[in-house]
Amino acid sequence: MQKAAEYFVQEGACQQDRIPELAYMLEVWFGRLITYGSLLVITVVLNQTGIDTTVSSLIYLRFYTILRKYVGGYHAQTHMR
């Protein structure tokens, strides 16, 4: 994510001293994209097989989001570990 942050600096979208914050933000965003994207793919695949999972997926996603926000958990050195 460091190289992506440096790219944004080269393009003038971010200041040089903000690279660590931008790199962290990209890691968090990418992690959420993988999480929510995986849930979306699973929902679509199961719906194709005739199992209606849309409502249960939305309920799961809501509770997952609440738990992630308030419960905490394991704290690694970086967001991707």
N, C-alpha and C. Protein backbone atom coordinates (compact mmCIF):
# COMPACT_ATOMS: atom_id res chain seq x y z
N MET A 1 0.81 -1.19 0.00
CA MET A 1 0.00 0.00 0.00
C MET A 1 0.87 1.26 0.00
N GLN A 2 2.11 1.10 0.41
CA GLN A 2 3.04 2.24 0.43
C GLN A 2 3.23 2.81 -0.98
N LYS A 3 3.38 1.91 -1.96
CA LYS A 3 3.59 2.38 -3.33
C LYS A 3 2.35 3.08 -3.87
N ALA A 4 1.19 2.59 -3.50
CA ALA A 4 -0.04 3.24 -3.93
C ALA A 4 -0.13 4.64 -3.33
N ALA A 5 0.25 4.77 -2.06
CA ALA A 5 0.23 6.08 -1.41
C ALA A 5 1.23 7.02 -2.09
N GLU A 6 2.39 6.51 -2.45
CA GLU A 6 3.38 7.33 -3.14
C GLU A 6 2.88 7.77 -4.51
N TYR A 7 2.10 6.91 -5.17
CA TYR A 7 1.51 7.27 -6.45
C TYR A 7 0.58 8.47 -6.29
N PHE A 8 -0.23 8.47 -5.23
CA PHE A 8 -1.14 9.58 -5.00
C PHE A 8 -0.37 10.88 -4.76
N VAL A 9 0.80 10.78 -4.12
CA VAL A 9 1.63 11.97 -3.91
C VAL A 9 2.16 12.47 -5.25
N GLN A 10 2.61 11.56 -6.10
CA GLN A 10 3.13 11.96 -7.41
C GLN A 10 2.06 12.63 -8.26
N GLU A 11 0.82 12.19 -8.11
CA GLU A 11 -0.28 12.77 -8.88
C GLU A 11 -0.80 14.06 -8.26
N GLY A 12 -0.30 14.41 -7.09
CA GLY A 12 -0.71 15.66 -6.45
C GLY A 12 -1.98 15.56 -5.63
N ALA A 13 -2.44 14.34 -5.36
CA ALA A 13 -3.68 14.16 -4.60
C ALA A 13 -3.44 14.14 -3.10
N CYS A 14 -2.18 14.08 -2.69
CA CYS A 14 -1.86 14.00 -1.27
C CYS A 14 -0.49 14.65 -1.04
N GLN A 15 -0.27 15.11 0.18
CA GLN A 15 1.01 15.71 0.53
C GLN A 15 1.99 14.63 0.97
N GLN A 16 3.27 14.90 0.79
CA GLN A 16 4.33 13.94 1.11
C GLN A 16 4.29 13.50 2.57
N ASP A 17 4.01 14.42 3.50
CA ASP A 17 4.04 14.07 4.92
C ASP A 17 2.82 13.25 5.35
N ARG A 18 1.86 13.04 4.47
CA ARG A 18 0.66 12.28 4.81
C ARG A 18 0.69 10.84 4.28
N ILE A 19 1.83 10.41 3.75
CA ILE A 19 1.94 9.06 3.17
C ILE A 19 1.60 7.96 4.18
N PRO A 20 2.10 7.99 5.43
CA PRO A 20 1.74 6.90 6.36
C PRO A 20 0.23 6.80 6.62
N GLU A 21 -0.42 7.95 6.77
CA GLU A 21 -1.87 7.93 7.00
C GLU A 21 -2.61 7.41 5.78
N LEU A 22 -2.17 7.83 4.60
CA LEU A 22 -2.82 7.38 3.37
C LEU A 22 -2.61 5.88 3.16
N ALA A 23 -1.41 5.39 3.44
CA ALA A 23 -1.14 3.96 3.30
C ALA A 23 -2.02 3.15 4.24
N TYR A 24 -2.17 3.61 5.48
CA TYR A 24 -3.04 2.91 6.43
C TYR A 24 -4.49 2.95 5.97
N MET A 25 -4.95 4.09 5.48
CA MET A 25 -6.32 4.21 5.00
C MET A 25 -6.58 3.26 3.84
N LEU A 26 -5.61 3.12 2.95
CA LEU A 26 -5.76 2.20 1.83
C LEU A 26 -5.82 0.75 2.30
N GLU A 27 -5.02 0.40 3.32
CA GLU A 27 -5.06 -0.95 3.88
C GLU A 27 -6.44 -1.25 4.48
N VAL A 28 -6.97 -0.31 5.23
CA VAL A 28 -8.28 -0.49 5.84
C VAL A 28 -9.36 -0.61 4.76
N TRP A 29 -9.31 0.27 3.79
CA TRP A 29 -10.29 0.25 2.72
C TRP A 29 -10.24 -1.06 1.93
N PHE A 30 -9.03 -1.52 1.61
CA PHE A 30 -8.86 -2.77 0.87
C PHE A 30 -9.36 -3.96 1.68
N GLY A 31 -9.09 -3.96 2.99
CA GLY A 31 -9.58 -5.03 3.85
C GLY A 31 -11.10 -5.08 3.89
N ARG A 32 -11.72 -3.93 3.99
CA ARG A 32 -13.19 -3.87 3.99
C ARG A 32 -13.76 -4.29 2.64
N LEU A 33 -13.08 -3.89 1.57
CA LEU A 33 -13.53 -4.29 0.24
C LEU A 33 -13.52 -5.81 0.10
N ILE A 34 -12.48 -6.45 0.60
CA ILE A 34 -12.41 -7.91 0.55
C ILE A 34 -13.52 -8.54 1.39
N THR A 35 -13.74 -8.02 2.59
CA THR A 35 -14.77 -8.57 3.47
C THR A 35 -16.16 -8.45 2.87
N TYR A 36 -16.53 -7.23 2.49
CA TYR A 36 -17.87 -7.01 1.96
C TYR A 36 -18.04 -7.61 0.57
N GLY A 37 -16.99 -7.59 -0.21
CA GLY A 37 -17.04 -8.21 -1.54
C GLY A 37 -17.22 -9.72 -1.46
N SER A 38 -16.55 -10.34 -0.50
CA SER A 38 -16.70 -11.79 -0.31
C SER A 38 -18.13 -12.14 0.08
N LEU A 39 -18.70 -11.36 0.99
CA LEU A 39 -20.08 -11.59 1.40
C LEU A 39 -21.02 -11.42 0.22
N LEU A 40 -20.79 -10.41 -0.61
CA LEU A 40 -21.62 -10.19 -1.77
C LEU A 40 -21.53 -11.35 -2.76
N VAL A 41 -20.33 -11.83 -3.00
CA VAL A 41 -20.14 -12.96 -3.92
C VAL A 41 -20.84 -14.20 -3.39
N ILE A 42 -20.68 -14.49 -2.10
CA ILE A 42 -21.34 -15.66 -1.51
C ILE A 42 -22.85 -15.53 -1.63
N THR A 43 -23.38 -14.34 -1.36
CA THR A 43 -24.82 -14.12 -1.47
C THR A 43 -25.31 -14.35 -2.89
N VAL A 44 -24.60 -13.83 -3.87
CA VAL A 44 -25.01 -13.99 -5.27
C VAL A 44 -24.94 -15.46 -5.68
N VAL A 45 -23.88 -16.15 -5.30
CA VAL A 45 -23.74 -17.57 -5.66
C VAL A 45 -24.85 -18.40 -5.02
N LEU A 46 -25.14 -18.16 -3.76
CA LEU A 46 -26.21 -18.93 -3.11
C LEU A 46 -27.58 -18.59 -3.69
N ASN A 47 -27.78 -17.34 -4.08
CA ASN A 47 -29.05 -16.98 -4.71
C ASN A 47 -29.21 -17.66 -6.06
N GLN A 48 -28.11 -17.87 -6.77
CA GLN A 48 -28.15 -18.57 -8.05
C GLN A 48 -28.53 -20.04 -7.89
N THR A 49 -28.22 -20.62 -6.72
CA THR A 49 -28.55 -22.02 -6.48
C THR A 49 -29.96 -22.20 -5.95
N GLY A 50 -30.69 -21.10 -5.78
CA GLY A 50 -32.07 -21.20 -5.33
C GLY A 50 -32.25 -20.96 -3.85
N ILE A 51 -31.18 -20.69 -3.13
CA ILE A 51 -31.26 -20.41 -1.70
C ILE A 51 -31.30 -18.91 -1.54
N ASP A 52 -32.40 -18.38 -1.01
CA ASP A 52 -32.52 -16.92 -0.85
C ASP A 52 -31.79 -16.49 0.42
N THR A 53 -30.67 -15.83 0.26
CA THR A 53 -29.83 -15.43 1.39
C THR A 53 -29.71 -13.92 1.53
N THR A 54 -30.46 -13.17 0.77
CA THR A 54 -30.30 -11.72 0.77
C THR A 54 -30.58 -11.12 2.14
N VAL A 55 -31.72 -11.46 2.74
CA VAL A 55 -32.09 -10.88 4.03
C VAL A 55 -31.12 -11.34 5.11
N SER A 56 -30.80 -12.63 5.14
CA SER A 56 -29.89 -13.11 6.16
C SER A 56 -28.49 -12.52 6.00
N SER A 57 -28.06 -12.27 4.77
CA SER A 57 -26.76 -11.64 4.54
C SER A 57 -26.75 -10.21 5.05
N LEU A 58 -27.83 -9.49 4.83
CA LEU A 58 -27.91 -8.11 5.32
C LEU A 58 -27.93 -8.07 6.84
N ILE A 59 -28.63 -9.00 7.47
CA ILE A 59 -28.65 -9.08 8.94
C ILE A 59 -27.25 -9.40 9.46
N TYR A 60 -26.58 -10.38 8.84
CA TYR A 60 -25.23 -10.74 9.25
C TYR A 60 -24.29 -9.54 9.10
N LEU A 61 -24.39 -8.85 7.98
CA LEU A 61 -23.52 -7.71 7.73
C LEU A 61 -23.73 -6.61 8.76
N ARG A 62 -24.97 -6.37 9.14
CA ARG A 62 -25.26 -5.34 10.15
C ARG A 62 -24.63 -5.70 11.49
N PHE A 63 -24.84 -6.95 11.95
CA PHE A 63 -24.27 -7.35 13.23
C PHE A 63 -22.74 -7.42 13.18
N TYR A 64 -22.19 -7.86 12.06
CA TYR A 64 -20.75 -7.91 11.90
C TYR A 64 -20.15 -6.50 12.02
N THR A 65 -20.78 -5.53 11.37
CA THR A 65 -20.30 -4.15 11.42
C THR A 65 -20.35 -3.60 12.84
N ILE A 66 -21.43 -3.87 13.55
CA ILE A 66 -21.56 -3.41 14.94
C ILE A 66 -20.50 -4.05 15.81
N LEU A 67 -20.31 -5.36 15.68
CA LEU A 67 -19.30 -6.04 16.49
C LEU A 67 -17.90 -5.52 16.21
N ARG A 68 -17.57 -5.32 14.94
CA ARG A 68 -16.24 -4.81 14.60
C ARG A 68 -16.00 -3.43 15.20
N LYS A 69 -17.04 -2.64 15.27
CA LYS A 69 -16.89 -1.27 15.76
C LYS A 69 -16.73 -1.21 17.27
N TYR A 70 -17.47 -2.03 18.01
CA TYR A 70 -17.52 -1.88 19.46
C TYR A 70 -16.79 -2.94 20.28
N VAL A 71 -16.53 -4.12 19.72
CA VAL A 71 -15.96 -5.20 20.52
C VAL A 71 -14.44 -5.15 20.57
N GLY A 72 -13.82 -4.78 19.47
CA GLY A 72 -12.35 -4.78 19.45
C GLY A 72 -11.85 -6.12 18.97
N GLY A 73 -10.76 -6.60 19.54
CA GLY A 73 -10.23 -7.90 19.15
C GLY A 73 -8.73 -7.88 19.06
N TYR A 74 -8.20 -8.75 18.23
CA TYR A 74 -6.76 -8.91 18.05
C TYR A 74 -6.19 -7.68 17.37
N HIS A 75 -5.05 -7.22 17.86
CA HIS A 75 -4.41 -6.03 17.28
C HIS A 75 -3.03 -6.41 16.75
N ALA A 76 -2.89 -6.44 15.43
CA ALA A 76 -1.63 -6.78 14.78
C ALA A 76 -0.84 -5.50 14.49
N GLN A 77 0.39 -5.68 14.03
CA GLN A 77 1.24 -4.54 13.70
C GLN A 77 0.67 -3.74 12.53
N THR A 78 0.13 -4.43 11.55
CA THR A 78 -0.49 -3.75 10.42
C THR A 78 -1.91 -4.27 10.26
N HIS A 79 -2.67 -3.59 9.44
CA HIS A 79 -4.07 -3.97 9.24
C HIS A 79 -4.20 -5.29 8.48
N MET A 80 -3.23 -5.61 7.63
CA MET A 80 -3.32 -6.80 6.80
C MET A 80 -2.83 -8.07 7.50
N ARG A 81 -2.30 -7.98 8.71
CA ARG A 81 -1.84 -9.19 9.40
C ARG A 81 -2.87 -9.67 10.37
